[in-house]
Amino acid sequence: MVSAPELKKYTSKKILITLNNNRQIQGILIGFDIFLNLNLTECVELSITSGKGNPIRDAVKIGSCVIRGNSVVSVELIA
């Protein structure tokens, strides 16, 4: 997982966050604290549902969100 000083370079950039319940949130990082709680804008929740043999990727716009640090598994920069 990314440490707080490394998160500073991701500020104002689009990131993909994987949570401990296999959910993913994509958004623009606008802030964080020492507990790695993340504040994002333009958030989209990504989920994969199984269709008839083919997985279906679903995206739900949720606007701004705050993600609690202890539920974050990984943070990726989206190019």
N, C-alpha and C. Protein backbone atom coordinates (compact mmCIF):
# COMPACT_ATOMS: atom_id res chain seq x y z
N MET A 1 0.83 -1.18 0.00
CA MET A 1 0.00 0.00 0.00
C MET A 1 0.88 1.25 0.00
N VAL A 2 0.35 2.32 -0.50
CA VAL A 2 1.08 3.58 -0.62
C VAL A 2 1.11 4.28 0.74
N SER A 3 2.25 4.88 1.08
CA SER A 3 2.33 5.63 2.33
C SER A 3 1.88 7.07 2.09
N ALA A 4 1.60 7.80 3.17
CA ALA A 4 1.08 9.16 3.06
C ALA A 4 1.98 10.09 2.23
N PRO A 5 3.31 10.12 2.44
CA PRO A 5 4.13 11.01 1.61
C PRO A 5 4.06 10.69 0.12
N GLU A 6 3.93 9.40 -0.21
CA GLU A 6 3.83 9.03 -1.62
C GLU A 6 2.50 9.44 -2.22
N LEU A 7 1.46 9.53 -1.42
CA LEU A 7 0.15 9.94 -1.92
C LEU A 7 0.15 11.39 -2.39
N LYS A 8 1.05 12.19 -1.85
CA LYS A 8 1.09 13.61 -2.21
C LYS A 8 1.25 13.81 -3.71
N LYS A 9 2.03 12.95 -4.35
CA LYS A 9 2.24 13.09 -5.79
C LYS A 9 1.02 12.68 -6.61
N TYR A 10 0.05 12.00 -5.97
CA TYR A 10 -1.18 11.60 -6.66
C TYR A 10 -2.29 12.65 -6.54
N THR A 11 -2.07 13.70 -5.74
CA THR A 11 -3.08 14.73 -5.56
C THR A 11 -3.43 15.37 -6.90
N SER A 12 -4.73 15.56 -7.14
CA SER A 12 -5.29 16.13 -8.38
C SER A 12 -5.13 15.20 -9.58
N LYS A 13 -4.84 13.92 -9.33
CA LYS A 13 -4.72 12.94 -10.41
C LYS A 13 -5.79 11.87 -10.24
N LYS A 14 -6.14 11.21 -11.36
CA LYS A 14 -7.15 10.15 -11.32
C LYS A 14 -6.50 8.87 -10.82
N ILE A 15 -7.14 8.26 -9.81
CA ILE A 15 -6.62 7.03 -9.22
C ILE A 15 -7.71 5.96 -9.16
N LEU A 16 -7.27 4.73 -9.04
CA LEU A 16 -8.16 3.59 -8.86
C LEU A 16 -7.84 2.97 -7.51
N ILE A 17 -8.86 2.87 -6.65
CA ILE A 17 -8.68 2.34 -5.31
C ILE A 17 -9.40 1.01 -5.21
N THR A 18 -8.69 0.00 -4.74
CA THR A 18 -9.30 -1.30 -4.47
C THR A 18 -9.55 -1.39 -2.97
N LEU A 19 -10.78 -1.73 -2.61
CA LEU A 19 -11.16 -1.82 -1.20
C LEU A 19 -11.13 -3.27 -0.73
N ASN A 20 -11.15 -3.48 0.58
CA ASN A 20 -11.00 -4.83 1.13
C ASN A 20 -12.19 -5.74 0.88
N ASN A 21 -13.28 -5.25 0.32
CA ASN A 21 -14.41 -6.11 -0.02
C ASN A 21 -14.52 -6.32 -1.53
N ASN A 22 -13.39 -6.18 -2.22
CA ASN A 22 -13.27 -6.37 -3.68
C ASN A 22 -14.01 -5.33 -4.50
N ARG A 23 -14.38 -4.22 -3.90
CA ARG A 23 -14.97 -3.13 -4.67
C ARG A 23 -13.86 -2.21 -5.13
N GLN A 24 -14.14 -1.47 -6.20
CA GLN A 24 -13.16 -0.51 -6.72
C GLN A 24 -13.84 0.84 -6.89
N ILE A 25 -13.09 1.88 -6.54
CA ILE A 25 -13.55 3.25 -6.70
C ILE A 25 -12.51 3.98 -7.53
N GLN A 26 -12.99 4.70 -8.53
CA GLN A 26 -12.11 5.50 -9.38
C GLN A 26 -12.50 6.96 -9.18
N GLY A 27 -11.52 7.83 -9.05
CA GLY A 27 -11.82 9.25 -8.87
C GLY A 27 -10.54 10.07 -8.82
N ILE A 28 -10.73 11.37 -8.62
CA ILE A 28 -9.60 12.30 -8.55
C ILE A 28 -9.32 12.59 -7.08
N LEU A 29 -8.09 12.32 -6.66
CA LEU A 29 -7.69 12.52 -5.26
C LEU A 29 -7.57 14.01 -4.97
N ILE A 30 -8.33 14.48 -3.98
CA ILE A 30 -8.23 15.90 -3.61
C ILE A 30 -7.66 16.09 -2.20
N GLY A 31 -7.52 15.01 -1.44
CA GLY A 31 -6.93 15.14 -0.12
C GLY A 31 -6.83 13.81 0.61
N PHE A 32 -6.04 13.80 1.68
CA PHE A 32 -5.86 12.62 2.52
C PHE A 32 -5.32 13.07 3.86
N ASP A 33 -5.36 12.19 4.85
CA ASP A 33 -4.83 12.52 6.17
C ASP A 33 -3.82 11.46 6.62
N ILE A 34 -3.36 11.58 7.86
CA ILE A 34 -2.32 10.67 8.35
C ILE A 34 -2.81 9.24 8.50
N PHE A 35 -4.13 9.04 8.53
CA PHE A 35 -4.70 7.70 8.64
C PHE A 35 -4.99 7.10 7.27
N LEU A 36 -4.57 7.80 6.20
CA LEU A 36 -4.79 7.41 4.81
C LEU A 36 -6.27 7.40 4.43
N ASN A 37 -7.10 8.18 5.16
CA ASN A 37 -8.46 8.41 4.70
C ASN A 37 -8.34 9.26 3.44
N LEU A 38 -9.07 8.90 2.40
CA LEU A 38 -8.93 9.56 1.11
C LEU A 38 -10.18 10.35 0.77
N ASN A 39 -9.99 11.56 0.25
CA ASN A 39 -11.08 12.41 -0.19
C ASN A 39 -10.98 12.52 -1.71
N LEU A 40 -12.05 12.09 -2.40
CA LEU A 40 -12.04 12.07 -3.87
C LEU A 40 -13.22 12.83 -4.44
N THR A 41 -13.07 13.27 -5.66
CA THR A 41 -14.15 13.88 -6.41
C THR A 41 -14.30 13.14 -7.73
N GLU A 42 -15.44 13.33 -8.39
CA GLU A 42 -15.75 12.65 -9.65
C GLU A 42 -15.61 11.13 -9.51
N CYS A 43 -16.13 10.59 -8.42
CA CYS A 43 -16.00 9.16 -8.12
C CYS A 43 -16.96 8.30 -8.93
N VAL A 44 -16.45 7.14 -9.29
CA VAL A 44 -17.23 6.11 -9.97
C VAL A 44 -16.95 4.80 -9.26
N GLU A 45 -18.02 4.09 -8.86
CA GLU A 45 -17.86 2.77 -8.25
C GLU A 45 -17.90 1.73 -9.36
N LEU A 46 -16.87 0.91 -9.44
CA LEU A 46 -16.77 -0.12 -10.48
C LEU A 46 -17.06 -1.47 -9.86
N SER A 47 -17.88 -2.26 -10.54
CA SER A 47 -18.16 -3.61 -10.06
C SER A 47 -18.27 -4.54 -11.25
N ILE A 48 -18.02 -5.80 -11.00
CA ILE A 48 -18.11 -6.82 -12.04
C ILE A 48 -19.20 -7.80 -11.64
N THR A 49 -20.19 -7.95 -12.50
CA THR A 49 -21.25 -8.93 -12.25
C THR A 49 -21.16 -10.00 -13.32
N SER A 50 -21.54 -11.20 -12.97
CA SER A 50 -21.44 -12.28 -13.94
C SER A 50 -22.73 -12.36 -14.75
N GLY A 51 -22.57 -12.26 -16.05
CA GLY A 51 -23.70 -12.42 -16.96
C GLY A 51 -23.73 -13.85 -17.45
N LYS A 52 -24.36 -14.08 -18.56
CA LYS A 52 -24.44 -15.43 -19.13
C LYS A 52 -23.09 -15.79 -19.77
N GLY A 53 -22.16 -16.23 -18.94
CA GLY A 53 -20.85 -16.64 -19.44
C GLY A 53 -19.86 -15.50 -19.56
N ASN A 54 -20.33 -14.27 -19.66
CA ASN A 54 -19.44 -13.12 -19.81
C ASN A 54 -19.60 -12.19 -18.61
N PRO A 55 -18.49 -11.81 -17.98
CA PRO A 55 -18.59 -10.85 -16.89
C PRO A 55 -18.98 -9.47 -17.44
N ILE A 56 -19.83 -8.78 -16.69
CA ILE A 56 -20.28 -7.45 -17.09
C ILE A 56 -19.70 -6.44 -16.11
N ARG A 57 -19.01 -5.44 -16.64
CA ARG A 57 -18.43 -4.39 -15.80
C ARG A 57 -19.43 -3.25 -15.72
N ASP A 58 -19.80 -2.90 -14.50
CA ASP A 58 -20.80 -1.87 -14.27
C ASP A 58 -20.14 -0.68 -13.59
N ALA A 59 -20.52 0.54 -13.97
CA ALA A 59 -19.97 1.75 -13.37
C ALA A 59 -21.12 2.63 -12.89
N VAL A 60 -21.04 3.05 -11.63
CA VAL A 60 -22.07 3.91 -11.04
C VAL A 60 -21.40 5.19 -10.56
N LYS A 61 -21.84 6.34 -11.10
CA LYS A 61 -21.29 7.63 -10.67
C LYS A 61 -21.81 7.95 -9.28
N ILE A 62 -20.89 8.29 -8.37
CA ILE A 62 -21.29 8.62 -7.00
C ILE A 62 -20.82 10.01 -6.58
N GLY A 63 -20.20 10.77 -7.46
CA GLY A 63 -19.78 12.13 -7.13
C GLY A 63 -18.58 12.16 -6.20
N SER A 64 -18.67 12.96 -5.14
CA SER A 64 -17.58 13.06 -4.17
C SER A 64 -17.72 11.98 -3.11
N CYS A 65 -16.58 11.53 -2.58
CA CYS A 65 -16.63 10.51 -1.53
C CYS A 65 -15.39 10.58 -0.64
N VAL A 66 -15.55 10.04 0.55
CA VAL A 66 -14.45 9.89 1.50
C VAL A 66 -14.32 8.40 1.77
N ILE A 67 -13.11 7.88 1.64
CA ILE A 67 -12.86 6.46 1.84
C ILE A 67 -12.00 6.29 3.08
N ARG A 68 -12.47 5.48 3.98
CA ARG A 68 -11.73 5.24 5.23
C ARG A 68 -10.44 4.47 4.94
N GLY A 69 -9.36 4.92 5.51
CA GLY A 69 -8.04 4.37 5.22
C GLY A 69 -7.89 2.89 5.49
N ASN A 70 -8.53 2.36 6.54
CA ASN A 70 -8.32 0.95 6.86
C ASN A 70 -9.06 0.01 5.91
N SER A 71 -9.88 0.53 5.00
CA SER A 71 -10.54 -0.33 4.02
C SER A 71 -9.82 -0.34 2.67
N VAL A 72 -8.74 0.44 2.55
CA VAL A 72 -8.00 0.54 1.29
C VAL A 72 -6.98 -0.60 1.20
N VAL A 73 -7.05 -1.35 0.09
CA VAL A 73 -6.08 -2.42 -0.17
C VAL A 73 -4.97 -1.91 -1.06
N SER A 74 -5.33 -1.17 -2.13
CA SER A 74 -4.32 -0.64 -3.04
C SER A 74 -4.79 0.64 -3.70
N VAL A 75 -3.81 1.43 -4.13
CA VAL A 75 -4.06 2.68 -4.85
C VAL A 75 -3.22 2.64 -6.11
N GLU A 76 -3.86 2.86 -7.27
CA GLU A 76 -3.16 2.86 -8.55
C GLU A 76 -3.40 4.17 -9.27
N LEU A 77 -2.37 4.68 -9.91
CA LEU A 77 -2.51 5.86 -10.74
C LEU A 77 -3.05 5.44 -12.10
N ILE A 78 -4.06 6.14 -12.58
CA ILE A 78 -4.63 5.86 -13.90
C ILE A 78 -4.02 6.84 -14.88
N ALA A 79 -3.41 6.32 -15.92
CA ALA A 79 -2.73 7.17 -16.91
C ALA A 79 -3.71 7.91 -17.77
